[in-house]
Amino acid sequence: MKRLALVLLLISSVAFAQRGYRDSNRIGIGAGISKLNIYTDNFSITPEQGWIGGLSVRGNYYNNWQMSFGMFFTDSNFSIPSRKGLLQTQTNFKMSAVQIYIVPSYVAIEDHLNLEFGPVLQVNGKLTINKNDETNVLIDQPGLIAKDIVDVSKINANFYIGVNGGIKNIKARVGYQYGLTNFFGNLKNNDNVKLTGEKFKGNIGLMSAQITIYL
């Protein structure tokens, strides 16, 4: 997946370069913070801070429109109220993912402000939790413990909307992603989840803010 994304990144860069003197094809290196929420009726979710960063290519497409292609890595977090013995606590869940996106970008102010929107393909593994928290009982679902819900959907489709603004070589990229697929879809395969008799459904809500340096 990583090799494929890098190949596509290079192809996009070459394609943008063919559009002549009006091109602003740039390779960007960005990093920043993320905050992950899961919209669900099954749990009380508390968004927590994480990080996001990666590479992108931006180039002119047509008139005031550009296209942006990128690959980003993220470790994003959320927590769920739980009980460790008699003590009530919050159990932190981490989502490590690779995100690949190709989005249209409208140039609102040349070299200074772009409005972006489009699809994001996300590939992630199981959620990770502290080993000492694996048997924490989930308060919203007392028939389940924390490790029962780590096997989430591995491939998710999100929709991104955001702004990219600043000076020509340094920009702030602020955006929001909403998950179009069921993040908890895989939980139906867990025997303990089946015993609850509930249908588990959740959609990703990921906010991010990055500083991007364009080379």
N, C-alpha and C. Protein backbone atom coordinates (compact mmCIF):
# COMPACT_ATOMS: atom_id res chain seq x y z
N MET A 1 0.83 -1.20 0.00
CA MET A 1 0.00 0.00 0.00
C MET A 1 0.87 1.26 0.00
N LYS A 2 1.92 1.26 0.82
CA LYS A 2 2.81 2.43 0.88
C LYS A 2 3.53 2.63 -0.46
N ARG A 3 4.00 1.52 -1.07
CA ARG A 3 4.70 1.64 -2.35
C ARG A 3 3.76 2.16 -3.43
N LEU A 4 2.53 1.65 -3.45
CA LEU A 4 1.56 2.11 -4.44
C LEU A 4 1.30 3.59 -4.29
N ALA A 5 1.16 4.06 -3.05
CA ALA A 5 0.88 5.48 -2.82
C ALA A 5 2.04 6.35 -3.29
N LEU A 6 3.28 5.88 -3.07
CA LEU A 6 4.44 6.66 -3.49
C LEU A 6 4.53 6.73 -5.01
N VAL A 7 4.20 5.61 -5.68
CA VAL A 7 4.20 5.61 -7.14
C VAL A 7 3.16 6.59 -7.67
N LEU A 8 1.95 6.56 -7.11
CA LEU A 8 0.91 7.48 -7.54
C LEU A 8 1.29 8.93 -7.27
N LEU A 9 1.99 9.15 -6.16
CA LEU A 9 2.46 10.50 -5.83
C LEU A 9 3.40 11.02 -6.92
N LEU A 10 4.32 10.17 -7.38
CA LEU A 10 5.26 10.57 -8.42
C LEU A 10 4.55 10.79 -9.74
N ILE A 11 3.58 9.90 -10.08
CA ILE A 11 2.83 10.06 -11.33
C ILE A 11 2.06 11.37 -11.32
N SER A 12 1.45 11.69 -10.18
CA SER A 12 0.68 12.93 -10.07
C SER A 12 1.58 14.14 -10.27
N SER A 13 2.79 14.07 -9.69
CA SER A 13 3.72 15.18 -9.81
C SER A 13 4.12 15.42 -11.26
N VAL A 14 4.39 14.30 -11.99
CA VAL A 14 4.77 14.42 -13.39
C VAL A 14 3.61 14.95 -14.22
N ALA A 15 2.40 14.44 -13.95
CA ALA A 15 1.23 14.88 -14.71
C ALA A 15 0.97 16.37 -14.53
N PHE A 16 1.08 16.86 -13.32
CA PHE A 16 0.87 18.27 -13.05
C PHE A 16 1.92 19.11 -13.78
N ALA A 17 3.14 18.57 -13.86
CA ALA A 17 4.24 19.33 -14.46
C ALA A 17 4.03 19.56 -15.96
N GLN A 18 3.18 18.72 -16.58
CA GLN A 18 2.96 18.86 -18.02
C GLN A 18 2.03 20.01 -18.39
N ARG A 19 1.47 20.72 -17.43
CA ARG A 19 0.45 21.71 -17.74
C ARG A 19 1.02 23.10 -18.00
N GLY A 20 2.36 23.19 -18.06
CA GLY A 20 2.96 24.42 -18.53
C GLY A 20 3.22 25.45 -17.45
N TYR A 21 3.41 26.72 -17.89
CA TYR A 21 3.90 27.77 -17.00
C TYR A 21 2.92 28.12 -15.89
N ARG A 22 1.59 27.77 -16.04
CA ARG A 22 0.64 28.13 -15.02
C ARG A 22 0.67 27.14 -13.84
N ASP A 23 1.44 26.12 -13.98
CA ASP A 23 1.43 25.11 -12.91
C ASP A 23 2.01 25.65 -11.62
N SER A 24 1.47 25.13 -10.53
CA SER A 24 2.07 25.40 -9.22
C SER A 24 2.33 24.07 -8.55
N ASN A 25 2.73 23.07 -9.38
CA ASN A 25 2.93 21.75 -8.79
C ASN A 25 4.02 21.82 -7.73
N ARG A 26 3.63 21.40 -6.52
CA ARG A 26 4.53 21.48 -5.37
C ARG A 26 4.44 20.21 -4.56
N ILE A 27 5.54 19.78 -4.02
CA ILE A 27 5.54 18.67 -3.07
C ILE A 27 5.54 19.27 -1.67
N GLY A 28 4.62 18.82 -0.85
CA GLY A 28 4.51 19.35 0.50
C GLY A 28 4.80 18.29 1.55
N ILE A 29 5.47 18.70 2.61
CA ILE A 29 5.72 17.84 3.77
C ILE A 29 5.01 18.48 4.95
N GLY A 30 4.06 17.74 5.54
CA GLY A 30 3.25 18.33 6.60
C GLY A 30 3.17 17.45 7.83
N ALA A 31 2.90 18.09 8.98
CA ALA A 31 2.70 17.37 10.24
C ALA A 31 1.88 18.24 11.17
N GLY A 32 1.13 17.59 12.03
CA GLY A 32 0.32 18.35 12.96
C GLY A 32 -0.43 17.45 13.92
N ILE A 33 -1.54 17.96 14.44
CA ILE A 33 -2.30 17.26 15.46
C ILE A 33 -3.64 16.80 14.91
N SER A 34 -4.20 15.79 15.54
CA SER A 34 -5.52 15.28 15.16
C SER A 34 -6.35 15.08 16.42
N LYS A 35 -7.66 15.04 16.23
CA LYS A 35 -8.57 14.72 17.33
C LYS A 35 -9.67 13.83 16.76
N LEU A 36 -9.79 12.61 17.30
CA LEU A 36 -10.67 11.59 16.74
C LEU A 36 -11.92 11.41 17.59
N ASN A 37 -13.07 11.49 16.93
CA ASN A 37 -14.35 11.18 17.55
C ASN A 37 -15.00 10.04 16.76
N ILE A 38 -15.82 9.25 17.42
CA ILE A 38 -16.61 8.23 16.75
C ILE A 38 -18.08 8.52 17.07
N TYR A 39 -18.86 8.77 16.04
CA TYR A 39 -20.28 9.05 16.24
C TYR A 39 -21.03 7.72 16.32
N THR A 40 -21.51 7.41 17.53
CA THR A 40 -22.16 6.13 17.77
C THR A 40 -23.14 6.25 18.92
N ASP A 41 -24.18 5.41 18.87
CA ASP A 41 -25.13 5.32 19.98
C ASP A 41 -24.74 4.23 20.97
N ASN A 42 -23.68 3.49 20.67
CA ASN A 42 -23.30 2.35 21.50
C ASN A 42 -22.38 2.72 22.66
N PHE A 43 -21.62 3.80 22.51
CA PHE A 43 -20.65 4.20 23.53
C PHE A 43 -20.66 5.71 23.70
N SER A 44 -20.21 6.16 24.87
CA SER A 44 -19.98 7.59 25.12
C SER A 44 -18.52 7.86 24.79
N ILE A 45 -18.28 8.50 23.67
CA ILE A 45 -16.92 8.71 23.17
C ILE A 45 -16.38 10.06 23.61
N THR A 46 -15.14 10.08 24.08
CA THR A 46 -14.43 11.32 24.36
C THR A 46 -13.29 11.47 23.36
N PRO A 47 -13.32 12.48 22.48
CA PRO A 47 -12.20 12.67 21.54
C PRO A 47 -10.91 12.98 22.28
N GLU A 48 -9.81 12.44 21.80
CA GLU A 48 -8.49 12.67 22.39
C GLU A 48 -7.52 13.12 21.30
N GLN A 49 -6.43 13.74 21.72
CA GLN A 49 -5.46 14.29 20.76
C GLN A 49 -4.51 13.21 20.25
N GLY A 50 -4.16 13.33 18.97
CA GLY A 50 -3.17 12.46 18.37
C GLY A 50 -2.32 13.26 17.40
N TRP A 51 -1.73 12.59 16.42
CA TRP A 51 -0.89 13.30 15.44
C TRP A 51 -1.19 12.78 14.03
N ILE A 52 -0.84 13.60 13.05
CA ILE A 52 -1.00 13.24 11.65
C ILE A 52 0.12 13.90 10.85
N GLY A 53 0.60 13.25 9.80
CA GLY A 53 1.66 13.84 8.98
C GLY A 53 1.92 13.01 7.74
N GLY A 54 2.53 13.64 6.73
CA GLY A 54 2.84 12.90 5.52
C GLY A 54 3.23 13.80 4.37
N LEU A 55 3.04 13.29 3.14
CA LEU A 55 3.46 13.97 1.91
C LEU A 55 2.25 14.27 1.04
N SER A 56 2.34 15.32 0.26
CA SER A 56 1.28 15.66 -0.68
C SER A 56 1.87 16.32 -1.92
N VAL A 57 1.12 16.27 -3.01
CA VAL A 57 1.48 16.96 -4.26
C VAL A 57 0.28 17.79 -4.67
N ARG A 58 0.52 19.03 -5.04
CA ARG A 58 -0.55 19.93 -5.46
C ARG A 58 -0.19 20.52 -6.82
N GLY A 59 -1.17 20.60 -7.71
CA GLY A 59 -0.91 21.18 -9.03
C GLY A 59 -2.16 21.75 -9.65
N ASN A 60 -1.99 22.67 -10.62
CA ASN A 60 -3.12 23.26 -11.33
C ASN A 60 -3.84 22.21 -12.15
N TYR A 61 -5.14 22.35 -12.23
CA TYR A 61 -5.96 21.42 -13.01
C TYR A 61 -6.73 22.15 -14.11
N TYR A 62 -7.56 23.12 -13.70
CA TYR A 62 -8.33 23.86 -14.70
C TYR A 62 -8.77 25.19 -14.09
N ASN A 63 -8.43 26.30 -14.77
CA ASN A 63 -8.77 27.63 -14.29
C ASN A 63 -8.37 27.80 -12.83
N ASN A 64 -9.33 28.06 -11.94
CA ASN A 64 -9.02 28.26 -10.52
C ASN A 64 -9.06 26.97 -9.71
N TRP A 65 -9.04 25.85 -10.39
CA TRP A 65 -9.09 24.57 -9.69
C TRP A 65 -7.74 23.88 -9.71
N GLN A 66 -7.39 23.29 -8.59
CA GLN A 66 -6.19 22.47 -8.49
C GLN A 66 -6.61 21.08 -8.01
N MET A 67 -5.67 20.13 -8.11
CA MET A 67 -5.87 18.80 -7.54
C MET A 67 -4.76 18.56 -6.53
N SER A 68 -5.11 17.92 -5.45
CA SER A 68 -4.14 17.61 -4.41
C SER A 68 -4.19 16.12 -4.12
N PHE A 69 -3.02 15.49 -4.14
CA PHE A 69 -2.91 14.07 -3.85
C PHE A 69 -1.94 13.90 -2.69
N GLY A 70 -2.26 13.01 -1.76
CA GLY A 70 -1.36 12.84 -0.63
C GLY A 70 -1.51 11.51 0.07
N MET A 71 -0.51 11.20 0.86
CA MET A 71 -0.52 10.04 1.75
C MET A 71 -0.13 10.51 3.14
N PHE A 72 -0.99 10.24 4.09
CA PHE A 72 -0.75 10.67 5.46
C PHE A 72 -0.81 9.48 6.41
N PHE A 73 -0.03 9.58 7.47
CA PHE A 73 -0.03 8.60 8.54
C PHE A 73 -0.61 9.28 9.78
N THR A 74 -1.38 8.53 10.56
CA THR A 74 -1.94 9.12 11.76
C THR A 74 -2.02 8.11 12.90
N ASP A 75 -1.74 8.57 14.10
CA ASP A 75 -2.07 7.88 15.34
C ASP A 75 -3.09 8.77 16.04
N SER A 76 -4.36 8.40 15.97
CA SER A 76 -5.42 9.22 16.55
C SER A 76 -6.10 8.45 17.67
N ASN A 77 -6.64 9.18 18.64
CA ASN A 77 -7.10 8.56 19.88
C ASN A 77 -8.50 8.99 20.28
N PHE A 78 -9.20 8.09 20.96
CA PHE A 78 -10.44 8.42 21.64
C PHE A 78 -10.51 7.56 22.90
N SER A 79 -11.40 7.92 23.83
CA SER A 79 -11.53 7.14 25.06
C SER A 79 -12.99 6.85 25.35
N ILE A 80 -13.21 5.79 26.12
CA ILE A 80 -14.54 5.32 26.48
C ILE A 80 -14.57 5.10 27.99
N PRO A 81 -15.63 5.52 28.67
CA PRO A 81 -15.72 5.29 30.12
C PRO A 81 -15.76 3.79 30.42
N SER A 82 -15.02 3.40 31.45
CA SER A 82 -14.91 1.99 31.79
C SER A 82 -14.68 1.84 33.29
N ARG A 83 -14.63 0.59 33.70
CA ARG A 83 -14.43 0.30 35.12
C ARG A 83 -13.30 -0.71 35.26
N LYS A 84 -12.32 -0.34 36.09
CA LYS A 84 -11.21 -1.26 36.41
C LYS A 84 -11.41 -1.65 37.88
N GLY A 85 -11.94 -2.83 38.09
CA GLY A 85 -12.32 -3.22 39.44
C GLY A 85 -13.47 -2.34 39.92
N LEU A 86 -13.27 -1.66 41.02
CA LEU A 86 -14.29 -0.74 41.55
C LEU A 86 -14.06 0.69 41.10
N LEU A 87 -12.95 0.92 40.39
CA LEU A 87 -12.57 2.27 39.98
C LEU A 87 -13.10 2.61 38.60
N GLN A 88 -13.81 3.74 38.49
CA GLN A 88 -14.26 4.21 37.18
C GLN A 88 -13.14 5.00 36.52
N THR A 89 -12.90 4.74 35.25
CA THR A 89 -11.79 5.39 34.54
C THR A 89 -12.16 5.57 33.08
N GLN A 90 -11.23 6.09 32.30
CA GLN A 90 -11.38 6.20 30.84
C GLN A 90 -10.35 5.29 30.19
N THR A 91 -10.79 4.45 29.29
CA THR A 91 -9.86 3.59 28.55
C THR A 91 -9.57 4.23 27.20
N ASN A 92 -8.27 4.43 26.93
CA ASN A 92 -7.85 5.08 25.69
C ASN A 92 -7.65 4.05 24.58
N PHE A 93 -8.22 4.34 23.40
CA PHE A 93 -8.07 3.51 22.21
C PHE A 93 -7.32 4.31 21.15
N LYS A 94 -6.30 3.69 20.55
CA LYS A 94 -5.52 4.35 19.50
C LYS A 94 -5.80 3.71 18.15
N MET A 95 -6.03 4.57 17.14
CA MET A 95 -6.20 4.12 15.77
C MET A 95 -4.98 4.56 14.95
N SER A 96 -4.20 3.58 14.48
CA SER A 96 -3.07 3.86 13.61
C SER A 96 -3.49 3.57 12.18
N ALA A 97 -3.30 4.56 11.29
CA ALA A 97 -3.85 4.41 9.94
C ALA A 97 -2.97 5.09 8.91
N VAL A 98 -3.12 4.62 7.67
CA VAL A 98 -2.58 5.30 6.49
C VAL A 98 -3.78 5.84 5.72
N GLN A 99 -3.71 7.10 5.31
CA GLN A 99 -4.78 7.72 4.56
C GLN A 99 -4.26 8.19 3.20
N ILE A 100 -4.99 7.84 2.16
CA ILE A 100 -4.65 8.27 0.81
C ILE A 100 -5.82 9.08 0.26
N TYR A 101 -5.52 10.26 -0.23
CA TYR A 101 -6.61 11.10 -0.72
C TYR A 101 -6.22 11.75 -2.05
N ILE A 102 -7.25 12.03 -2.86
CA ILE A 102 -7.08 12.86 -4.05
C ILE A 102 -8.31 13.77 -4.10
N VAL A 103 -8.09 15.06 -3.89
CA VAL A 103 -9.22 15.97 -3.70
C VAL A 103 -9.09 17.20 -4.61
N PRO A 104 -10.21 17.67 -5.14
CA PRO A 104 -10.20 18.96 -5.83
C PRO A 104 -9.93 20.09 -4.83
N SER A 105 -9.38 21.18 -5.34
CA SER A 105 -9.03 22.31 -4.49
C SER A 105 -9.32 23.60 -5.25
N TYR A 106 -10.19 24.42 -4.69
CA TYR A 106 -10.55 25.68 -5.34
C TYR A 106 -9.64 26.79 -4.82
N VAL A 107 -9.00 27.51 -5.74
CA VAL A 107 -8.10 28.61 -5.36
C VAL A 107 -8.93 29.85 -5.09
N ALA A 108 -9.12 30.17 -3.81
CA ALA A 108 -9.88 31.36 -3.43
C ALA A 108 -9.00 32.60 -3.52
N ILE A 109 -7.75 32.48 -3.07
CA ILE A 109 -6.77 33.57 -3.18
C ILE A 109 -5.46 32.95 -3.66
N GLU A 110 -5.02 33.33 -4.83
CA GLU A 110 -3.84 32.71 -5.43
C GLU A 110 -2.64 32.75 -4.50
N ASP A 111 -2.01 31.59 -4.34
CA ASP A 111 -0.83 31.39 -3.50
C ASP A 111 -1.11 31.52 -2.00
N HIS A 112 -2.35 31.78 -1.61
CA HIS A 112 -2.61 32.02 -0.19
C HIS A 112 -3.75 31.20 0.41
N LEU A 113 -4.81 30.90 -0.35
CA LEU A 113 -5.94 30.22 0.27
C LEU A 113 -6.64 29.29 -0.72
N ASN A 114 -6.75 28.01 -0.34
CA ASN A 114 -7.45 27.00 -1.12
C ASN A 114 -8.55 26.36 -0.27
N LEU A 115 -9.67 26.07 -0.92
CA LEU A 115 -10.76 25.33 -0.28
C LEU A 115 -10.76 23.92 -0.86
N GLU A 116 -10.74 22.90 0.00
CA GLU A 116 -10.54 21.52 -0.44
C GLU A 116 -11.71 20.64 0.00
N PHE A 117 -12.02 19.65 -0.83
CA PHE A 117 -13.03 18.67 -0.45
C PHE A 117 -12.86 17.44 -1.33
N GLY A 118 -13.16 16.28 -0.77
CA GLY A 118 -13.04 15.07 -1.58
C GLY A 118 -12.87 13.82 -0.74
N PRO A 119 -12.70 12.66 -1.41
CA PRO A 119 -12.66 11.36 -0.73
C PRO A 119 -11.30 11.03 -0.12
N VAL A 120 -11.34 10.26 0.93
CA VAL A 120 -10.14 9.75 1.59
C VAL A 120 -10.30 8.25 1.78
N LEU A 121 -9.32 7.48 1.35
CA LEU A 121 -9.28 6.05 1.62
C LEU A 121 -8.40 5.81 2.84
N GLN A 122 -8.95 5.17 3.84
CA GLN A 122 -8.21 4.93 5.08
C GLN A 122 -8.01 3.44 5.29
N VAL A 123 -6.76 3.04 5.54
CA VAL A 123 -6.43 1.66 5.87
C VAL A 123 -5.82 1.67 7.27
N ASN A 124 -6.46 0.94 8.17
CA ASN A 124 -5.99 0.92 9.56
C ASN A 124 -5.97 -0.50 10.10
N GLY A 125 -5.26 -0.69 11.18
CA GLY A 125 -5.24 -1.99 11.84
C GLY A 125 -6.27 -2.02 12.96
N LYS A 126 -6.12 -3.00 13.84
CA LYS A 126 -6.96 -3.04 15.03
C LYS A 126 -6.65 -1.84 15.92
N LEU A 127 -7.62 -1.45 16.73
CA LEU A 127 -7.34 -0.44 17.74
C LEU A 127 -6.36 -1.02 18.75
N THR A 128 -5.53 -0.16 19.31
CA THR A 128 -4.60 -0.61 20.35
C THR A 128 -4.94 0.06 21.67
N ILE A 129 -4.76 -0.71 22.75
CA ILE A 129 -5.00 -0.21 24.10
C ILE A 129 -3.85 -0.67 24.98
N ASN A 130 -3.71 0.00 26.11
CA ASN A 130 -2.71 -0.41 27.09
C ASN A 130 -3.03 -1.83 27.56
N LYS A 131 -2.03 -2.68 27.63
CA LYS A 131 -2.25 -4.08 28.02
C LYS A 131 -2.95 -4.19 29.36
N ASN A 132 -2.66 -3.27 30.27
CA ASN A 132 -3.28 -3.31 31.60
C ASN A 132 -4.75 -2.93 31.58
N ASP A 133 -5.22 -2.37 30.43
CA ASP A 133 -6.62 -1.95 30.33
C ASP A 133 -7.48 -2.91 29.52
N GLU A 134 -6.90 -4.01 29.06
CA GLU A 134 -7.62 -4.91 28.16
C GLU A 134 -8.89 -5.48 28.78
N THR A 135 -8.89 -5.70 30.10
CA THR A 135 -10.05 -6.32 30.76
C THR A 135 -10.94 -5.29 31.46
N ASN A 136 -10.72 -4.00 31.19
CA ASN A 136 -11.62 -2.98 31.74
C ASN A 136 -13.03 -3.21 31.21
N VAL A 137 -14.00 -3.14 32.08
CA VAL A 137 -15.40 -3.33 31.70
C VAL A 137 -15.94 -2.01 31.14
N LEU A 138 -16.56 -2.06 29.98
CA LEU A 138 -17.11 -0.86 29.34
C LEU A 138 -18.44 -0.50 29.99
N ILE A 139 -18.52 0.69 30.56
CA ILE A 139 -19.70 1.08 31.33
C ILE A 139 -20.95 1.12 30.46
N ASP A 140 -20.82 1.56 29.21
CA ASP A 140 -21.99 1.63 28.32
C ASP A 140 -22.45 0.25 27.85
N GLN A 141 -21.53 -0.72 27.89
CA GLN A 141 -21.84 -2.09 27.46
C GLN A 141 -21.23 -3.04 28.50
N PRO A 142 -21.88 -3.18 29.65
CA PRO A 142 -21.26 -3.95 30.75
C PRO A 142 -21.00 -5.41 30.44
N GLY A 143 -21.55 -5.91 29.34
CA GLY A 143 -21.25 -7.28 28.94
C GLY A 143 -19.95 -7.41 28.16
N LEU A 144 -19.28 -6.27 27.90
CA LEU A 144 -18.06 -6.28 27.10
C LEU A 144 -16.89 -5.70 27.89
N ILE A 145 -15.71 -6.18 27.56
CA ILE A 145 -14.48 -5.57 28.08
C ILE A 145 -13.76 -4.88 26.93
N ALA A 146 -12.76 -4.08 27.25
CA ALA A 146 -12.12 -3.20 26.26
C ALA A 146 -11.60 -3.97 25.05
N LYS A 147 -10.98 -5.13 25.26
CA LYS A 147 -10.37 -5.84 24.13
C LYS A 147 -11.41 -6.45 23.19
N ASP A 148 -12.69 -6.48 23.60
CA ASP A 148 -13.74 -7.02 22.73
C ASP A 148 -14.02 -6.13 21.52
N ILE A 149 -13.63 -4.85 21.59
CA ILE A 149 -14.04 -3.93 20.51
C ILE A 149 -12.85 -3.38 19.71
N VAL A 150 -11.70 -4.02 19.81
CA VAL A 150 -10.52 -3.49 19.10
C VAL A 150 -10.48 -3.89 17.62
N ASP A 151 -11.20 -4.95 17.25
CA ASP A 151 -11.14 -5.43 15.86
C ASP A 151 -12.16 -4.69 15.00
N VAL A 152 -11.84 -3.45 14.66
CA VAL A 152 -12.73 -2.59 13.88
C VAL A 152 -12.51 -2.83 12.39
N SER A 153 -13.32 -2.18 11.55
CA SER A 153 -13.17 -2.30 10.10
C SER A 153 -11.79 -1.80 9.67
N LYS A 154 -11.13 -2.55 8.79
CA LYS A 154 -9.75 -2.23 8.40
C LYS A 154 -9.67 -1.24 7.24
N ILE A 155 -10.71 -1.19 6.41
CA ILE A 155 -10.73 -0.25 5.29
C ILE A 155 -11.95 0.64 5.44
N ASN A 156 -11.72 1.95 5.48
CA ASN A 156 -12.80 2.90 5.68
C ASN A 156 -12.73 4.01 4.64
N ALA A 157 -13.90 4.49 4.24
CA ALA A 157 -13.98 5.60 3.29
C ALA A 157 -14.47 6.83 4.04
N ASN A 158 -13.72 7.92 3.94
CA ASN A 158 -14.07 9.18 4.60
C ASN A 158 -14.27 10.26 3.55
N PHE A 159 -14.97 11.31 3.96
CA PHE A 159 -15.10 12.49 3.10
C PHE A 159 -14.44 13.66 3.81
N TYR A 160 -13.55 14.35 3.09
CA TYR A 160 -12.75 15.43 3.68
C TYR A 160 -13.21 16.79 3.18
N ILE A 161 -13.23 17.77 4.09
CA ILE A 161 -13.44 19.17 3.71
C ILE A 161 -12.52 20.02 4.57
N GLY A 162 -11.88 21.03 3.95
CA GLY A 162 -10.95 21.83 4.73
C GLY A 162 -10.42 23.02 3.96
N VAL A 163 -9.50 23.74 4.59
CA VAL A 163 -8.86 24.90 3.99
C VAL A 163 -7.35 24.74 4.09
N ASN A 164 -6.65 25.34 3.14
CA ASN A 164 -5.20 25.31 3.09
C ASN A 164 -4.75 26.74 2.83
N GLY A 165 -4.19 27.39 3.83
CA GLY A 165 -3.88 28.81 3.66
C GLY A 165 -2.59 29.24 4.32
N GLY A 166 -2.01 30.31 3.77
CA GLY A 166 -0.77 30.86 4.32
C GLY A 166 0.00 31.58 3.24
N ILE A 167 1.32 31.56 3.35
CA ILE A 167 2.17 32.13 2.31
C ILE A 167 2.56 31.03 1.33
N LYS A 168 3.27 31.38 0.27
CA LYS A 168 3.47 30.45 -0.85
C LYS A 168 4.13 29.14 -0.43
N ASN A 169 5.15 29.20 0.44
CA ASN A 169 5.91 28.00 0.77
C ASN A 169 5.52 27.36 2.09
N ILE A 170 4.76 28.06 2.92
CA ILE A 170 4.35 27.52 4.22
C ILE A 170 2.86 27.78 4.40
N LYS A 171 2.11 26.70 4.63
CA LYS A 171 0.67 26.85 4.79
C LYS A 171 0.15 26.02 5.96
N ALA A 172 -0.94 26.50 6.52
CA ALA A 172 -1.66 25.74 7.53
C ALA A 172 -2.80 25.00 6.83
N ARG A 173 -2.93 23.72 7.13
CA ARG A 173 -3.99 22.90 6.53
C ARG A 173 -4.90 22.41 7.65
N VAL A 174 -6.13 22.90 7.65
CA VAL A 174 -7.09 22.54 8.69
C VAL A 174 -8.28 21.87 8.03
N GLY A 175 -8.66 20.69 8.53
CA GLY A 175 -9.73 19.96 7.86
C GLY A 175 -10.49 19.03 8.78
N TYR A 176 -11.56 18.50 8.23
CA TYR A 176 -12.43 17.58 8.97
C TYR A 176 -12.81 16.42 8.05
N GLN A 177 -12.76 15.22 8.59
CA GLN A 177 -13.16 14.02 7.85
C GLN A 177 -14.34 13.35 8.54
N TYR A 178 -15.32 12.94 7.72
CA TYR A 178 -16.45 12.17 8.25
C TYR A 178 -16.44 10.80 7.59
N GLY A 179 -16.58 9.77 8.41
CA GLY A 179 -16.55 8.41 7.89
C GLY A 179 -17.86 8.01 7.25
N LEU A 180 -17.77 7.51 6.01
CA LEU A 180 -18.96 7.09 5.27
C LEU A 180 -19.28 5.62 5.50
N THR A 181 -18.34 4.88 6.08
CA THR A 181 -18.53 3.45 6.32
C THR A 181 -18.65 3.19 7.82
N ASN A 182 -19.12 2.00 8.16
CA ASN A 182 -19.32 1.63 9.57
C ASN A 182 -17.99 1.21 10.19
N PHE A 183 -17.45 2.05 11.04
CA PHE A 183 -16.16 1.79 11.67
C PHE A 183 -16.21 0.55 12.58
N PHE A 184 -17.38 0.27 13.16
CA PHE A 184 -17.53 -0.87 14.06
C PHE A 184 -18.11 -2.10 13.35
N GLY A 185 -18.08 -2.10 12.01
CA GLY A 185 -18.68 -3.19 11.25
C GLY A 185 -18.12 -4.56 11.58
N ASN A 186 -16.82 -4.65 11.88
CA ASN A 186 -16.19 -5.94 12.15
C ASN A 186 -16.61 -6.55 13.48
N LEU A 187 -17.19 -5.76 14.37
CA LEU A 187 -17.51 -6.27 15.70
C LEU A 187 -18.56 -7.37 15.66
N LYS A 188 -19.31 -7.45 14.58
CA LYS A 188 -20.33 -8.50 14.45
C LYS A 188 -19.72 -9.89 14.46
N ASN A 189 -18.39 -9.99 14.25
CA ASN A 189 -17.72 -11.28 14.24
C ASN A 189 -17.24 -11.71 15.62
N ASN A 190 -17.39 -10.83 16.63
CA ASN A 190 -16.95 -11.13 17.98
C ASN A 190 -18.08 -11.82 18.74
N ASP A 191 -17.82 -13.00 19.30
CA ASP A 191 -18.86 -13.77 19.99
C ASP A 191 -19.44 -13.02 21.18
N ASN A 192 -18.61 -12.29 21.91
CA ASN A 192 -19.11 -11.55 23.07
C ASN A 192 -20.02 -10.40 22.64
N VAL A 193 -19.69 -9.77 21.50
CA VAL A 193 -20.55 -8.71 20.96
C VAL A 193 -21.89 -9.29 20.52
N LYS A 194 -21.87 -10.46 19.92
CA LYS A 194 -23.11 -11.10 19.48
C LYS A 194 -24.06 -11.33 20.65
N LEU A 195 -23.51 -11.66 21.81
CA LEU A 195 -24.34 -11.96 22.97
C LEU A 195 -25.09 -10.73 23.48
N THR A 196 -24.61 -9.54 23.16
CA THR A 196 -25.31 -8.33 23.61
C THR A 196 -26.61 -8.12 22.85
N GLY A 197 -26.71 -8.70 21.65
CA GLY A 197 -27.90 -8.54 20.85
C GLY A 197 -28.04 -7.17 20.22
N GLU A 198 -26.99 -6.34 20.31
CA GLU A 198 -27.03 -4.99 19.74
C GLU A 198 -26.32 -4.93 18.40
N LYS A 199 -26.75 -3.99 17.58
CA LYS A 199 -26.06 -3.70 16.34
C LYS A 199 -25.10 -2.54 16.59
N PHE A 200 -23.84 -2.77 16.35
CA PHE A 200 -22.83 -1.75 16.63
C PHE A 200 -22.52 -0.98 15.35
N LYS A 201 -22.67 0.33 15.45
CA LYS A 201 -22.44 1.18 14.30
C LYS A 201 -21.75 2.46 14.76
N GLY A 202 -20.75 2.90 14.00
CA GLY A 202 -20.04 4.13 14.33
C GLY A 202 -19.43 4.75 13.08
N ASN A 203 -19.36 6.05 13.06
CA ASN A 203 -18.76 6.78 11.94
C ASN A 203 -17.65 7.68 12.46
N ILE A 204 -16.53 7.66 11.76
CA ILE A 204 -15.37 8.46 12.15
C ILE A 204 -15.65 9.95 12.00
N GLY A 205 -15.18 10.73 12.95
CA GLY A 205 -15.12 12.19 12.83
C GLY A 205 -13.72 12.62 13.21
N LEU A 206 -12.91 12.99 12.24
CA LEU A 206 -11.50 13.29 12.50
C LEU A 206 -11.17 14.73 12.12
N MET A 207 -10.80 15.51 13.13
CA MET A 207 -10.33 16.88 12.89
C MET A 207 -8.81 16.88 12.87
N SER A 208 -8.22 17.71 12.01
CA SER A 208 -6.76 17.77 11.94
C SER A 208 -6.30 19.18 11.60
N ALA A 209 -5.12 19.50 12.08
CA ALA A 209 -4.48 20.79 11.78
C ALA A 209 -3.00 20.52 11.56
N GLN A 210 -2.50 20.94 10.39
CA GLN A 210 -1.11 20.67 10.04
C GLN A 210 -0.43 21.94 9.52
N ILE A 211 0.86 21.95 9.67
CA ILE A 211 1.71 22.94 8.98
C ILE A 211 2.41 22.22 7.85
N THR A 212 2.25 22.73 6.64
CA THR A 212 2.85 22.10 5.46
C THR A 212 3.91 23.03 4.86
N ILE A 213 5.07 22.46 4.61
CA ILE A 213 6.15 23.18 3.92
C ILE A 213 6.22 22.66 2.50
N TYR A 214 6.07 23.56 1.51
CA TYR A 214 6.10 23.19 0.10
C TYR A 214 7.50 23.41 -0.46
N LEU A 215 8.05 22.38 -1.09
CA LEU A 215 9.42 22.42 -1.62
C LEU A 215 9.47 23.02 -3.02
